[in-house]
Amino acid sequence: MEIFTGRVSGGKVELPSDVFPEGAEVTVWRADPEEPFELTAEQVAELKESLEQVRRGEYVDGDVLLAELRSRAQR
């Protein structure tokens, strides 16, 4: 995963033209202007490592996690 910043111009998100091949699927996350969002280089590295862990299957499914948390809360 890589993180890029772009701008909206004429209703379209503009990113550097050499970043994505034609037809690439991307996810857009809108930053709240009232709450600026920035990641440090360390945070970006941590995010990338977390995504690699998911790709390796090293994660807990969200439904399983929620069930475990509910179980703990009822004790």
C-alpha atoms as a PDB file:
ATOM      1  CA  MET A   1       0.000   0.000   0.000  1.00  0.00           C
ATOM      2  CA  GLU A   2       1.091   3.493  -0.725  1.00  0.00           C
ATOM      3  CA  ILE A   3      -0.442   6.746   0.409  1.00  0.00           C
ATOM      4  CA  PHE A   4      -0.776   9.699  -1.972  1.00  0.00           C
ATOM      5  CA  THR A   5      -2.287  13.121  -1.553  1.00  0.00           C
ATOM      6  CA  GLY A   6      -4.252  14.790  -4.300  1.00  0.00           C
ATOM      7  CA  ARG A   7      -6.677  17.642  -4.812  1.00  0.00           C
ATOM      8  CA  VAL A   8     -10.194  17.888  -6.170  1.00  0.00           C
ATOM      9  CA  SER A   9     -10.427  20.006  -9.312  1.00  0.00           C
ATOM     10  CA  GLY A  10     -13.588  20.297 -11.371  1.00  0.00           C
ATOM     11  CA  GLY A  11     -15.185  17.526  -9.317  1.00  0.00           C
ATOM     12  CA  LYS A  12     -12.360  15.055  -9.981  1.00  0.00           C
ATOM     13  CA  VAL A  13      -9.579  13.863  -7.721  1.00  0.00           C
ATOM     14  CA  GLU A  14      -6.231  14.742  -9.264  1.00  0.00           C
ATOM     15  CA  LEU A  15      -3.143  12.701  -8.434  1.00  0.00           C
ATOM     16  CA  PRO A  16       0.239  12.556 -10.118  1.00  0.00           C
ATOM     17  CA  SER A  17      -0.315  10.945 -13.549  1.00  0.00           C
ATOM     18  CA  ASP A  18       2.575   8.501 -13.182  1.00  0.00           C
ATOM     19  CA  VAL A  19       1.285   6.998  -9.921  1.00  0.00           C
ATOM     20  CA  PHE A  20      -1.540   4.708 -11.058  1.00  0.00           C
ATOM     21  CA  PRO A  21      -2.021   2.630 -14.186  1.00  0.00           C
ATOM     22  CA  GLU A  22      -5.201   3.217 -16.183  1.00  0.00           C
ATOM     23  CA  GLY A  23      -8.133   1.427 -14.539  1.00  0.00           C
ATOM     24  CA  ALA A  24      -6.437   1.090 -11.141  1.00  0.00           C
ATOM     25  CA  GLU A  25      -8.837   0.786  -8.216  1.00  0.00           C
ATOM     26  CA  VAL A  26      -8.271   3.398  -5.515  1.00  0.00           C
ATOM     27  CA  THR A  27      -9.926   4.335  -2.246  1.00  0.00           C
ATOM     28  CA  VAL A  28     -10.533   7.974  -1.426  1.00  0.00           C
ATOM     29  CA  TRP A  29     -10.678   9.163   2.142  1.00  0.00           C
ATOM     30  CA  ARG A  30     -11.791  12.747   2.703  1.00  0.00           C
ATOM     31  CA  ALA A  31      -9.981  14.607   5.446  1.00  0.00           C
ATOM     32  CA  ASP A  32     -12.167  16.727   7.705  1.00  0.00           C
ATOM     33  CA  PRO A  33     -11.159  20.383   7.222  1.00  0.00           C
ATOM     34  CA  GLU A  34     -11.941  20.989  10.897  1.00  0.00           C
ATOM     35  CA  GLU A  35      -9.596  18.210  11.959  1.00  0.00           C
ATOM     36  CA  PRO A  36      -6.459  18.135   9.816  1.00  0.00           C
ATOM     37  CA  PHE A  37      -4.998  14.652   9.390  1.00  0.00           C
ATOM     38  CA  GLU A  38      -1.346  13.980   8.834  1.00  0.00           C
ATOM     39  CA  LEU A  39       0.781  10.911   9.346  1.00  0.00           C
ATOM     40  CA  THR A  40       4.408  10.939  10.386  1.00  0.00           C
ATOM     41  CA  ALA A  41       6.871   8.778   8.465  1.00  0.00           C
ATOM     42  CA  GLU A  42       6.837   6.388  11.435  1.00  0.00           C
ATOM     43  CA  GLN A  43       3.034   6.118  11.335  1.00  0.00           C
ATOM     44  CA  VAL A  44       3.083   5.442   7.581  1.00  0.00           C
ATOM     45  CA  ALA A  45       5.650   2.678   8.156  1.00  0.00           C
ATOM     46  CA  GLU A  46       3.478   1.188  10.917  1.00  0.00           C
ATOM     47  CA  LEU A  47       0.411   1.288   8.670  1.00  0.00           C
ATOM     48  CA  LYS A  48       2.296  -0.428   5.851  1.00  0.00           C
ATOM     49  CA  GLU A  49       3.532  -3.140   8.228  1.00  0.00           C
ATOM     50  CA  SER A  50      -0.008  -3.670   9.514  1.00  0.00           C
ATOM     51  CA  LEU A  51      -1.258  -4.141   5.950  1.00  0.00           C
ATOM     52  CA  GLU A  52       1.513  -6.652   5.298  1.00  0.00           C
ATOM     53  CA  GLN A  53       0.430  -8.569   8.409  1.00  0.00           C
ATOM     54  CA  VAL A  54      -3.106  -8.742   7.034  1.00  0.00           C
ATOM     55  CA  ARG A  55      -1.806  -9.994   3.691  1.00  0.00           C
ATOM     56  CA  ARG A  56       0.051 -12.749   5.567  1.00  0.00           C
ATOM     57  CA  GLY A  57      -3.164 -13.685   7.388  1.00  0.00           C
ATOM     58  CA  GLU A  58      -1.931 -12.386  10.739  1.00  0.00           C
ATOM     59  CA  TYR A  59      -5.102 -10.739  11.984  1.00  0.00           C
ATOM     60  CA  VAL A  60      -8.294 -11.367  13.909  1.00  0.00           C
ATOM     61  CA  ASP A  61     -11.560 -11.131  11.976  1.00  0.00           C
ATOM     62  CA  GLY A  62     -13.650  -8.133  13.106  1.00  0.00           C
ATOM     63  CA  ASP A  63     -16.689 -10.276  13.964  1.00  0.00           C
ATOM     64  CA  VAL A  64     -14.521 -12.596  16.067  1.00  0.00           C
ATOM     65  CA  LEU A  65     -12.974  -9.629  17.870  1.00  0.00           C
ATOM     66  CA  LEU A  66     -16.370  -8.081  18.621  1.00  0.00           C
ATOM     67  CA  ALA A  67     -17.695 -11.399  19.941  1.00  0.00           C
ATOM     68  CA  GLU A  68     -14.666 -11.723  22.217  1.00  0.00           C
ATOM     69  CA  LEU A  69     -15.066  -8.169  23.519  1.00  0.00           C
ATOM     70  CA  ARG A  70     -18.778  -8.713  24.193  1.00  0.00           C
ATOM     71  CA  SER A  71     -17.964 -11.925  26.033  1.00  0.00           C
ATOM     72  CA  ARG A  72     -15.435 -10.132  28.227  1.00  0.00           C
ATOM     73  CA  ALA A  73     -17.894  -7.316  28.986  1.00  0.00           C
ATOM     74  CA  GLN A  74     -20.498  -9.814  30.233  1.00  0.00           C
ATOM     75  CA  ARG A  75     -18.137 -11.406  32.769  1.00  0.00           C
END
